[in-house]
Amino acid sequence: MRFTFAVGLLALPLALAESFKSVVVTFPKGTPDSVVIQAKESLVASGGVITHEYHLINGFAADAPVSALNTLSTQDVKYSPTIEEDKIVNAYGDYEAAI
């Protein structure tokens, strides 16, 4: 009984920890910089990390909690972002999760 209780206490932080995803977030052409900045600040405030900022397209890559990504997807109706899993794609169409 004591062993089961101890194992349960050790597993509790893992159960409470929120899962993170590596994603690429892009915005439609013409999106104001303020919308992109607000999105980045929102993800960082939620515990996420911006891993790359893109300059040719309106967007960035991040590791963020799933709940923060759900919030981001509904944050701005007019300039709704596209959120895709960050992955490596090759010429044959195969892909694997980004490291």
PDB file of N, CA and C in Angstrom:
ATOM      1  N   MET A   1       0.817  -1.195   0.000  1.00  0.00           N
ATOM      2  CA  MET A   1       0.000   0.000   0.000  1.00  0.00           C
ATOM      3  C   MET A   1       0.863   1.262   0.000  1.00  0.00           C
ATOM      4  N   ARG A   2       1.904   1.265   0.825  1.00  0.00           N
ATOM      5  CA  ARG A   2       2.776   2.438   0.891  1.00  0.00           C
ATOM      6  C   ARG A   2       3.503   2.658  -0.433  1.00  0.00           C
ATOM      7  N   PHE A   3       3.926   1.560  -1.045  1.00  0.00           N
ATOM      8  CA  PHE A   3       4.634   1.654  -2.321  1.00  0.00           C
ATOM      9  C   PHE A   3       3.738   2.267  -3.393  1.00  0.00           C
ATOM     10  N   THR A   4       2.504   1.838  -3.472  1.00  0.00           N
ATOM     11  CA  THR A   4       1.563   2.363  -4.456  1.00  0.00           C
ATOM     12  C   THR A   4       1.323   3.851  -4.237  1.00  0.00           C
ATOM     13  N   PHE A   5       1.195   4.255  -2.979  1.00  0.00           N
ATOM     14  CA  PHE A   5       0.992   5.661  -2.655  1.00  0.00           C
ATOM     15  C   PHE A   5       2.211   6.489  -3.066  1.00  0.00           C
ATOM     16  N   ALA A   6       3.411   5.983  -2.804  1.00  0.00           N
ATOM     17  CA  ALA A   6       4.645   6.699  -3.150  1.00  0.00           C
ATOM     18  C   ALA A   6       4.774   6.839  -4.666  1.00  0.00           C
ATOM     19  N   VAL A   7       4.474   5.782  -5.389  1.00  0.00           N
ATOM     20  CA  VAL A   7       4.539   5.834  -6.848  1.00  0.00           C
ATOM     21  C   VAL A   7       3.511   6.832  -7.381  1.00  0.00           C
ATOM     22  N   GLY A   8       2.332   6.866  -6.788  1.00  0.00           N
ATOM     23  CA  GLY A   8       1.301   7.812  -7.193  1.00  0.00           C
ATOM     24  C   GLY A   8       1.734   9.252  -6.981  1.00  0.00           C
ATOM     25  N   LEU A   9       2.407   9.524  -5.866  1.00  0.00           N
ATOM     26  CA  LEU A   9       2.900  10.875  -5.605  1.00  0.00           C
ATOM     27  C   LEU A   9       3.991  11.278  -6.584  1.00  0.00           C
ATOM     28  N   LEU A  10       4.827  10.338  -6.972  1.00  0.00           N
ATOM     29  CA  LEU A  10       5.883  10.637  -7.936  1.00  0.00           C
ATOM     30  C   LEU A  10       5.317  10.889  -9.330  1.00  0.00           C
ATOM     31  N   ALA A  11       4.237  10.237  -9.664  1.00  0.00           N
ATOM     32  CA  ALA A  11       3.641  10.384 -10.996  1.00  0.00           C
ATOM     33  C   ALA A  11       2.768  11.634 -11.107  1.00  0.00           C
ATOM     34  N   LEU A  12       2.384  12.223  -9.990  1.00  0.00           N
ATOM     35  CA  LEU A  12       1.494  13.376 -10.011  1.00  0.00           C
ATOM     36  C   LEU A  12       2.040  14.549 -10.821  1.00  0.00           C
ATOM     37  N   PRO A  13       3.317  14.965 -10.654  1.00  0.00           N
ATOM     38  CA  PRO A  13       3.813  16.079 -11.475  1.00  0.00           C
ATOM     39  C   PRO A  13       3.756  15.787 -12.970  1.00  0.00           C
ATOM     40  N   LEU A  14       3.978  14.547 -13.352  1.00  0.00           N
ATOM     41  CA  LEU A  14       3.905  14.194 -14.774  1.00  0.00           C
ATOM     42  C   LEU A  14       2.483  14.325 -15.296  1.00  0.00           C
ATOM     43  N   ALA A  15       1.521  13.965 -14.479  1.00  0.00           N
ATOM     44  CA  ALA A  15       0.125  14.067 -14.905  1.00  0.00           C
ATOM     45  C   ALA A  15      -0.319  15.518 -14.999  1.00  0.00           C
ATOM     46  N   LEU A  16       0.211  16.367 -14.122  1.00  0.00           N
ATOM     47  CA  LEU A  16      -0.175  17.770 -14.116  1.00  0.00           C
ATOM     48  C   LEU A  16       0.560  18.592 -15.164  1.00  0.00           C
ATOM     49  N   ALA A  17       1.695  18.090 -15.628  1.00  0.00           N
ATOM     50  CA  ALA A  17       2.481  18.831 -16.623  1.00  0.00           C
ATOM     51  C   ALA A  17       1.721  18.885 -17.942  1.00  0.00           C
ATOM     52  N   GLU A  18       1.718  20.045 -18.534  1.00  0.00           N
ATOM     53  CA  GLU A  18       1.013  20.220 -19.795  1.00  0.00           C
ATOM     54  C   GLU A  18       1.930  19.827 -20.943  1.00  0.00           C
ATOM     55  N   SER A  19       1.352  19.227 -21.969  1.00  0.00           N
ATOM     56  CA  SER A  19       2.165  18.807 -23.104  1.00  0.00           C
ATOM     57  C   SER A  19       2.490  20.002 -24.002  1.00  0.00           C
ATOM     58  N   PHE A  20       3.687  19.968 -24.560  1.00  0.00           N
ATOM     59  CA  PHE A  20       4.155  21.008 -25.470  1.00  0.00           C
ATOM     60  C   PHE A  20       4.205  20.447 -26.877  1.00  0.00           C
ATOM     61  N   LYS A  21       4.058  21.331 -27.860  1.00  0.00           N
ATOM     62  CA  LYS A  21       4.188  20.956 -29.263  1.00  0.00           C
ATOM     63  C   LYS A  21       5.151  21.914 -29.944  1.00  0.00           C
ATOM     64  N   SER A  22       5.923  21.389 -30.883  1.00  0.00           N
ATOM     65  CA  SER A  22       6.759  22.227 -31.745  1.00  0.00           C
ATOM     66  C   SER A  22       5.915  22.579 -32.958  1.00  0.00           C
ATOM     67  N   VAL A  23       5.749  23.876 -33.188  1.00  0.00           N
ATOM     68  CA  VAL A  23       4.855  24.320 -34.255  1.00  0.00           C
ATOM     69  C   VAL A  23       5.475  25.456 -35.062  1.00  0.00           C
ATOM     70  N   VAL A  24       4.906  25.658 -36.244  1.00  0.00           N
ATOM     71  CA  VAL A  24       5.195  26.827 -37.064  1.00  0.00           C
ATOM     72  C   VAL A  24       3.884  27.595 -37.170  1.00  0.00           C
ATOM     73  N   VAL A  25       3.929  28.873 -36.799  1.00  0.00           N
ATOM     74  CA  VAL A  25       2.746  29.728 -36.815  1.00  0.00           C
ATOM     75  C   VAL A  25       2.939  30.757 -37.919  1.00  0.00           C
ATOM     76  N   THR A  26       2.018  30.800 -38.874  1.00  0.00           N
ATOM     77  CA  THR A  26       2.093  31.788 -39.959  1.00  0.00           C
ATOM     78  C   THR A  26       0.794  32.580 -40.005  1.00  0.00           C
ATOM     79  N   PHE A  27       0.912  33.805 -40.477  1.00  0.00           N
ATOM     80  CA  PHE A  27      -0.226  34.705 -40.563  1.00  0.00           C
ATOM     81  C   PHE A  27      -0.453  35.094 -42.021  1.00  0.00           C
ATOM     82  N   PRO A  28      -1.700  35.459 -42.379  1.00  0.00           N
ATOM     83  CA  PRO A  28      -1.996  35.862 -43.762  1.00  0.00           C
ATOM     84  C   PRO A  28      -1.217  37.112 -44.168  1.00  0.00           C
ATOM     85  N   LYS A  29      -1.001  37.225 -45.462  1.00  0.00           N
ATOM     86  CA  LYS A  29      -0.335  38.411 -45.998  1.00  0.00           C
ATOM     87  C   LYS A  29      -1.131  39.651 -45.594  1.00  0.00           C
ATOM     88  N   GLY A  30      -0.426  40.687 -45.176  1.00  0.00           N
ATOM     89  CA  GLY A  30      -1.085  41.919 -44.770  1.00  0.00           C
ATOM     90  C   GLY A  30      -1.400  42.006 -43.286  1.00  0.00           C
ATOM     91  N   THR A  31      -1.059  40.967 -42.538  1.00  0.00           N
ATOM     92  CA  THR A  31      -1.293  41.001 -41.094  1.00  0.00           C
ATOM     93  C   THR A  31      -0.378  42.049 -40.460  1.00  0.00           C
ATOM     94  N   PRO A  32      -0.923  42.939 -39.639  1.00  0.00           N
ATOM     95  CA  PRO A  32      -0.080  43.948 -38.987  1.00  0.00           C
ATOM     96  C   PRO A  32       0.948  43.309 -38.049  1.00  0.00           C
ATOM     97  N   ASP A  33       2.121  43.938 -37.958  1.00  0.00           N
ATOM     98  CA  ASP A  33       3.167  43.438 -37.071  1.00  0.00           C
ATOM     99  C   ASP A  33       2.681  43.338 -35.633  1.00  0.00           C
ATOM    100  N   SER A  34       1.795  44.234 -35.230  1.00  0.00           N
ATOM    101  CA  SER A  34       1.304  44.229 -33.855  1.00  0.00           C
ATOM    102  C   SER A  34       0.569  42.928 -33.514  1.00  0.00           C
ATOM    103  N   VAL A  35      -0.114  42.328 -34.491  1.00  0.00           N
ATOM    104  CA  VAL A  35      -0.830  41.072 -34.267  1.00  0.00           C
ATOM    105  C   VAL A  35       0.177  39.938 -34.043  1.00  0.00           C
ATOM    106  N   VAL A  36       1.239  39.908 -34.843  1.00  0.00           N
ATOM    107  CA  VAL A  36       2.268  38.876 -34.712  1.00  0.00           C
ATOM    108  C   VAL A  36       3.001  39.034 -33.376  1.00  0.00           C
ATOM    109  N   ILE A  37       3.328  40.260 -33.018  1.00  0.00           N
ATOM    110  CA  ILE A  37       4.016  40.521 -31.749  1.00  0.00           C
ATOM    111  C   ILE A  37       3.136  40.094 -30.577  1.00  0.00           C
ATOM    112  N   GLN A  38       1.864  40.410 -30.644  1.00  0.00           N
ATOM    113  CA  GLN A  38       0.941  40.022 -29.578  1.00  0.00           C
ATOM    114  C   GLN A  38       0.860  38.495 -29.461  1.00  0.00           C
ATOM    115  N   ALA A  39       0.862  37.792 -30.581  1.00  0.00           N
ATOM    116  CA  ALA A  39       0.808  36.330 -30.569  1.00  0.00           C
ATOM    117  C   ALA A  39       2.064  35.758 -29.902  1.00  0.00           C
ATOM    118  N   LYS A  40       3.234  36.301 -30.256  1.00  0.00           N
ATOM    119  CA  LYS A  40       4.487  35.825 -29.653  1.00  0.00           C
ATOM    120  C   LYS A  40       4.496  36.085 -28.149  1.00  0.00           C
ATOM    121  N   GLU A  41       4.077  37.274 -27.755  1.00  0.00           N
ATOM    122  CA  GLU A  41       4.050  37.615 -26.328  1.00  0.00           C
ATOM    123  C   GLU A  41       3.088  36.712 -25.561  1.00  0.00           C
ATOM    124  N   SER A  42       1.971  36.390 -26.177  1.00  0.00           N
ATOM    125  CA  SER A  42       0.979  35.514 -25.555  1.00  0.00           C
ATOM    126  C   SER A  42       1.549  34.115 -25.330  1.00  0.00           C
ATOM    127  N   LEU A  43       2.251  33.579 -26.345  1.00  0.00           N
ATOM    128  CA  LEU A  43       2.836  32.247 -26.199  1.00  0.00           C
ATOM    129  C   LEU A  43       3.927  32.220 -25.134  1.00  0.00           C
ATOM    130  N   VAL A  44       4.774  33.239 -25.112  1.00  0.00           N
ATOM    131  CA  VAL A  44       5.851  33.301 -24.116  1.00  0.00           C
ATOM    132  C   VAL A  44       5.259  33.434 -22.709  1.00  0.00           C
ATOM    133  N   ALA A  45       4.225  34.244 -22.555  1.00  0.00           N
ATOM    134  CA  ALA A  45       3.574  34.416 -21.252  1.00  0.00           C
ATOM    135  C   ALA A  45       2.950  33.109 -20.760  1.00  0.00           C
ATOM    136  N   SER A  46       2.597  32.231 -21.684  1.00  0.00           N
ATOM    137  CA  SER A  46       1.999  30.939 -21.334  1.00  0.00           C
ATOM    138  C   SER A  46       3.043  29.858 -21.100  1.00  0.00           C
ATOM    139  N   GLY A  47       4.312  30.230 -21.149  1.00  0.00           N
ATOM    140  CA  GLY A  47       5.379  29.259 -20.905  1.00  0.00           C
ATOM    141  C   GLY A  47       6.030  28.725 -22.158  1.00  0.00           C
ATOM    142  N   GLY A  48       5.633  29.227 -23.319  1.00  0.00           N
ATOM    143  CA  GLY A  48       6.220  28.778 -24.575  1.00  0.00           C
ATOM    144  C   GLY A  48       7.538  29.474 -24.872  1.00  0.00           C
ATOM    145  N   VAL A  49       8.220  28.976 -25.889  1.00  0.00           N
ATOM    146  CA  VAL A  49       9.507  29.523 -26.310  1.00  0.00           C
ATOM    147  C   VAL A  49       9.471  29.740 -27.818  1.00  0.00           C
ATOM    148  N   ILE A  50       9.824  30.944 -28.261  1.00  0.00           N
ATOM    149  CA  ILE A  50       9.941  31.222 -29.695  1.00  0.00           C
ATOM    150  C   ILE A  50      11.301  30.679 -30.128  1.00  0.00           C
ATOM    151  N   THR A  51      11.304  29.724 -31.061  1.00  0.00           N
ATOM    152  CA  THR A  51      12.556  29.096 -31.476  1.00  0.00           C
ATOM    153  C   THR A  51      13.131  29.701 -32.756  1.00  0.00           C
ATOM    154  N   HIS A  52      12.289  30.363 -33.539  1.00  0.00           N
ATOM    155  CA  HIS A  52      12.772  31.004 -34.763  1.00  0.00           C
ATOM    156  C   HIS A  52      11.758  32.047 -35.218  1.00  0.00           C
ATOM    157  N   GLU A  53      12.255  33.176 -35.697  1.00  0.00           N
ATOM    158  CA  GLU A  53      11.395  34.201 -36.273  1.00  0.00           C
ATOM    159  C   GLU A  53      11.668  34.258 -37.776  1.00  0.00           C
ATOM    160  N   TYR A  54      10.606  34.162 -38.564  1.00  0.00           N
ATOM    161  CA  TYR A  54      10.748  34.210 -40.017  1.00  0.00           C
ATOM    162  C   TYR A  54      10.624  35.655 -40.491  1.00  0.00           C
ATOM    163  N   HIS A  55      11.408  36.001 -41.508  1.00  0.00           N
ATOM    164  CA  HIS A  55      11.385  37.362 -42.025  1.00  0.00           C
ATOM    165  C   HIS A  55      10.788  37.442 -43.425  1.00  0.00           C
ATOM    166  N   LEU A  56      10.836  36.351 -44.178  1.00  0.00           N
ATOM    167  CA  LEU A  56      10.250  36.363 -45.521  1.00  0.00           C
ATOM    168  C   LEU A  56       8.743  36.118 -45.485  1.00  0.00           C
ATOM    169  N   ILE A  57       8.302  35.448 -44.454  1.00  0.00           N
ATOM    170  CA  ILE A  57       6.874  35.228 -44.257  1.00  0.00           C
ATOM    171  C   ILE A  57       6.495  35.791 -42.889  1.00  0.00           C
ATOM    172  N   ASN A  58       5.239  36.059 -42.685  1.00  0.00           N
ATOM    173  CA  ASN A  58       4.740  36.574 -41.415  1.00  0.00           C
ATOM    174  C   ASN A  58       4.555  35.399 -40.460  1.00  0.00           C
ATOM    175  N   GLY A  59       5.557  35.098 -39.654  1.00  0.00           N
ATOM    176  CA  GLY A  59       5.383  33.981 -38.740  1.00  0.00           C
ATOM    177  C   GLY A  59       6.606  33.670 -37.914  1.00  0.00           C
ATOM    178  N   PHE A  60       6.500  32.579 -37.166  1.00  0.00           N
ATOM    179  CA  PHE A  60       7.572  32.154 -36.279  1.00  0.00           C
ATOM    180  C   PHE A  60       7.388  30.672 -35.937  1.00  0.00           C
ATOM    181  N   ALA A  61       8.445  30.073 -35.405  1.00  0.00           N
ATOM    182  CA  ALA A  61       8.397  28.703 -34.907  1.00  0.00           C
ATOM    183  C   ALA A  61       8.454  28.779 -33.388  1.00  0.00           C
ATOM    184  N   ALA A  62       7.804  27.826 -32.724  1.00  0.00           N
ATOM    185  CA  ALA A  62       7.762  27.862 -31.265  1.00  0.00           C
ATOM    186  C   ALA A  62       7.552  26.473 -30.685  1.00  0.00           C
ATOM    187  N   ASP A  63       7.957  26.334 -29.439  1.00  0.00           N
ATOM    188  CA  ASP A  63       7.580  25.195 -28.608  1.00  0.00           C
ATOM    189  C   ASP A  63       6.623  25.776 -27.586  1.00  0.00           C
ATOM    190  N   ALA A  64       5.377  25.314 -27.585  1.00  0.00           N
ATOM    191  CA  ALA A  64       4.371  25.951 -26.734  1.00  0.00           C
ATOM    192  C   ALA A  64       3.393  24.930 -26.170  1.00  0.00           C
ATOM    193  N   PRO A  65       2.785  25.277 -25.034  1.00  0.00           N
ATOM    194  CA  PRO A  65       1.737  24.414 -24.477  1.00  0.00           C
ATOM    195  C   PRO A  65       0.539  24.337 -25.424  1.00  0.00           C
ATOM    196  N   VAL A  66      -0.078  23.185 -25.464  1.00  0.00           N
ATOM    197  CA  VAL A  66      -1.221  22.971 -26.352  1.00  0.00           C
ATOM    198  C   VAL A  66      -2.338  23.962 -26.042  1.00  0.00           C
ATOM    199  N   SER A  67      -2.563  24.252 -24.764  1.00  0.00           N
ATOM    200  CA  SER A  67      -3.641  25.192 -24.413  1.00  0.00           C
ATOM    201  C   SER A  67      -3.359  26.593 -24.958  1.00  0.00           C
ATOM    202  N   ALA A  68      -2.094  27.006 -24.954  1.00  0.00           N
ATOM    203  CA  ALA A  68      -1.738  28.325 -25.497  1.00  0.00           C
ATOM    204  C   ALA A  68      -1.960  28.360 -27.002  1.00  0.00           C
ATOM    205  N   LEU A  69      -1.693  27.256 -27.671  1.00  0.00           N
ATOM    206  CA  LEU A  69      -1.920  27.188 -29.126  1.00  0.00           C
ATOM    207  C   LEU A  69      -3.411  27.255 -29.440  1.00  0.00           C
ATOM    208  N   ASN A  70      -4.219  26.605 -28.614  1.00  0.00           N
ATOM    209  CA  ASN A  70      -5.671  26.671 -28.809  1.00  0.00           C
ATOM    210  C   ASN A  70      -6.172  28.100 -28.638  1.00  0.00           C
ATOM    211  N   THR A  71      -5.647  28.796 -27.643  1.00  0.00           N
ATOM    212  CA  THR A  71      -6.027  30.190 -27.416  1.00  0.00           C
ATOM    213  C   THR A  71      -5.582  31.060 -28.576  1.00  0.00           C
ATOM    214  N   LEU A  72      -4.358  30.846 -29.052  1.00  0.00           N
ATOM    215  CA  LEU A  72      -3.818  31.632 -30.159  1.00  0.00           C
ATOM    216  C   LEU A  72      -4.656  31.467 -31.421  1.00  0.00           C
ATOM    217  N   SER A  73      -5.137  30.273 -31.659  1.00  0.00           N
ATOM    218  CA  SER A  73      -5.900  30.019 -32.888  1.00  0.00           C
ATOM    219  C   SER A  73      -7.218  30.788 -32.930  1.00  0.00           C
ATOM    220  N   THR A  74      -7.715  31.221 -31.772  1.00  0.00           N
ATOM    221  CA  THR A  74      -8.981  31.960 -31.729  1.00  0.00           C
ATOM    222  C   THR A  74      -8.794  33.410 -31.289  1.00  0.00           C
ATOM    223  N   GLN A  75      -7.560  33.845 -31.150  1.00  0.00           N
ATOM    224  CA  GLN A  75      -7.268  35.170 -30.606  1.00  0.00           C
ATOM    225  C   GLN A  75      -7.712  36.308 -31.526  1.00  0.00           C
ATOM    226  N   ASP A  76      -7.497  36.167 -32.825  1.00  0.00           N
ATOM    227  CA  ASP A  76      -7.825  37.249 -33.753  1.00  0.00           C
ATOM    228  C   ASP A  76      -8.601  36.673 -34.931  1.00  0.00           C
ATOM    229  N   VAL A  77      -9.832  37.075 -35.091  1.00  0.00           N
ATOM    230  CA  VAL A  77     -10.687  36.528 -36.143  1.00  0.00           C
ATOM    231  C   VAL A  77     -10.258  37.021 -37.524  1.00  0.00           C
ATOM    232  N   LYS A  78      -9.904  38.298 -37.634  1.00  0.00           N
ATOM    233  CA  LYS A  78      -9.572  38.865 -38.930  1.00  0.00           C
ATOM    234  C   LYS A  78      -8.245  38.335 -39.470  1.00  0.00           C
ATOM    235  N   TYR A  79      -7.254  38.159 -38.603  1.00  0.00           N
ATOM    236  CA  TYR A  79      -5.928  37.675 -39.013  1.00  0.00           C
ATOM    237  C   TYR A  79      -5.636  36.348 -38.330  1.00  0.00           C
ATOM    238  N   SER A  80      -6.461  35.372 -38.589  1.00  0.00           N
ATOM    239  CA  SER A  80      -6.338  34.062 -37.951  1.00  0.00           C
ATOM    240  C   SER A  80      -5.064  33.343 -38.406  1.00  0.00           C
ATOM    241  N   PRO A  81      -4.239  32.886 -37.469  1.00  0.00           N
ATOM    242  CA  PRO A  81      -2.999  32.218 -37.851  1.00  0.00           C
ATOM    243  C   PRO A  81      -3.221  30.773 -38.286  1.00  0.00           C
ATOM    244  N   THR A  82      -2.292  30.273 -39.066  1.00  0.00           N
ATOM    245  CA  THR A  82      -2.246  28.862 -39.403  1.00  0.00           C
ATOM    246  C   THR A  82      -1.185  28.255 -38.490  1.00  0.00           C
ATOM    247  N   ILE A  83      -1.554  27.220 -37.751  1.00  0.00           N
ATOM    248  CA  ILE A  83      -0.640  26.575 -36.813  1.00  0.00           C
ATOM    249  C   ILE A  83      -0.426  25.147 -37.289  1.00  0.00           C
ATOM    250  N   GLU A  84       0.833  24.843 -37.645  1.00  0.00           N
ATOM    251  CA  GLU A  84       1.168  23.521 -38.162  1.00  0.00           C
ATOM    252  C   GLU A  84       2.271  22.902 -37.319  1.00  0.00           C
ATOM    253  N   GLU A  85       2.248  21.591 -37.206  1.00  0.00           N
ATOM    254  CA  GLU A  85       3.314  20.886 -36.498  1.00  0.00           C
ATOM    255  C   GLU A  85       4.630  21.117 -37.234  1.00  0.00           C
ATOM    256  N   ASP A  86       5.676  21.413 -36.476  1.00  0.00           N
ATOM    257  CA  ASP A  86       7.003  21.623 -37.060  1.00  0.00           C
ATOM    258  C   ASP A  86       7.573  20.262 -37.421  1.00  0.00           C
ATOM    259  N   LYS A  87       7.868  20.052 -38.686  1.00  0.00           N
ATOM    260  CA  LYS A  87       8.399  18.767 -39.139  1.00  0.00           C
ATOM    261  C   LYS A  87       9.329  18.977 -40.318  1.00  0.00           C
ATOM    262  N   ILE A  88      10.133  17.990 -40.584  1.00  0.00           N
ATOM    263  CA  ILE A  88      11.078  18.027 -41.698  1.00  0.00           C
ATOM    264  C   ILE A  88      10.433  17.320 -42.884  1.00  0.00           C
ATOM    265  N   VAL A  89      10.429  17.976 -44.031  1.00  0.00           N
ATOM    266  CA  VAL A  89       9.842  17.404 -45.239  1.00  0.00           C
ATOM    267  C   VAL A  89      10.953  17.243 -46.266  1.00  0.00           C
ATOM    268  N   ASN A  90      10.948  16.104 -46.982  1.00  0.00           N
ATOM    269  CA  ASN A  90      11.963  15.920 -48.020  1.00  0.00           C
ATOM    270  C   ASN A  90      11.312  15.914 -49.405  1.00  0.00           C
ATOM    271  N   ALA A  91      12.109  15.751 -50.410  1.00  0.00           N
ATOM    272  CA  ALA A  91      11.648  15.847 -51.792  1.00  0.00           C
ATOM    273  C   ALA A  91      10.659  14.746 -52.164  1.00  0.00           C
ATOM    274  N   TYR A  92      10.632  13.652 -51.407  1.00  0.00           N
ATOM    275  CA  TYR A  92       9.750  12.536 -51.712  1.00  0.00           C
ATOM    276  C   TYR A  92       8.403  12.636 -50.984  1.00  0.00           C
ATOM    277  N   GLY A  93       8.221  13.699 -50.231  1.00  0.00           N
ATOM    278  CA  GLY A  93       6.956  13.881 -49.535  1.00  0.00           C
ATOM    279  C   GLY A  93       6.910  13.229 -48.168  1.00  0.00           C
ATOM    280  N   ASP A  94       7.961  12.484 -47.798  1.00  0.00           N
ATOM    281  CA  ASP A  94       8.006  11.887 -46.476  1.00  0.00           C
ATOM    282  C   ASP A  94       8.362  12.970 -45.464  1.00  0.00           C
ATOM    283  N   TYR A  95       7.964  12.769 -44.246  1.00  0.00           N
ATOM    284  CA  TYR A  95       8.319  13.733 -43.228  1.00  0.00           C
ATOM    285  C   TYR A  95       8.587  13.017 -41.915  1.00  0.00           C
ATOM    286  N   GLU A  96       9.258  13.719 -41.032  1.00  0.00           N
ATOM    287  CA  GLU A  96       9.489  13.224 -39.675  1.00  0.00           C
ATOM    288  C   GLU A  96       9.410  14.416 -38.738  1.00  0.00           C
ATOM    289  N   ALA A  97       9.124  14.146 -37.500  1.00  0.00           N
ATOM    290  CA  ALA A  97       9.016  15.242 -36.520  1.00  0.00           C
ATOM    291  C   ALA A  97      10.343  15.957 -36.404  1.00  0.00           C
ATOM    292  N   ALA A  98      10.287  17.273 -36.282  1.00  0.00           N
ATOM    293  CA  ALA A  98      11.504  18.072 -36.124  1.00  0.00           C
ATOM    294  C   ALA A  98      12.126  17.766 -34.775  1.00  0.00           C
ATOM    295  N   ILE A  99      13.413  17.873 -34.718  1.00  0.00           N
ATOM    296  CA  ILE A  99      14.140  17.578 -33.483  1.00  0.00           C
ATOM    297  C   ILE A  99      14.235  18.826 -32.633  1.00  0.00           C
TER     298      ILE A  99
END
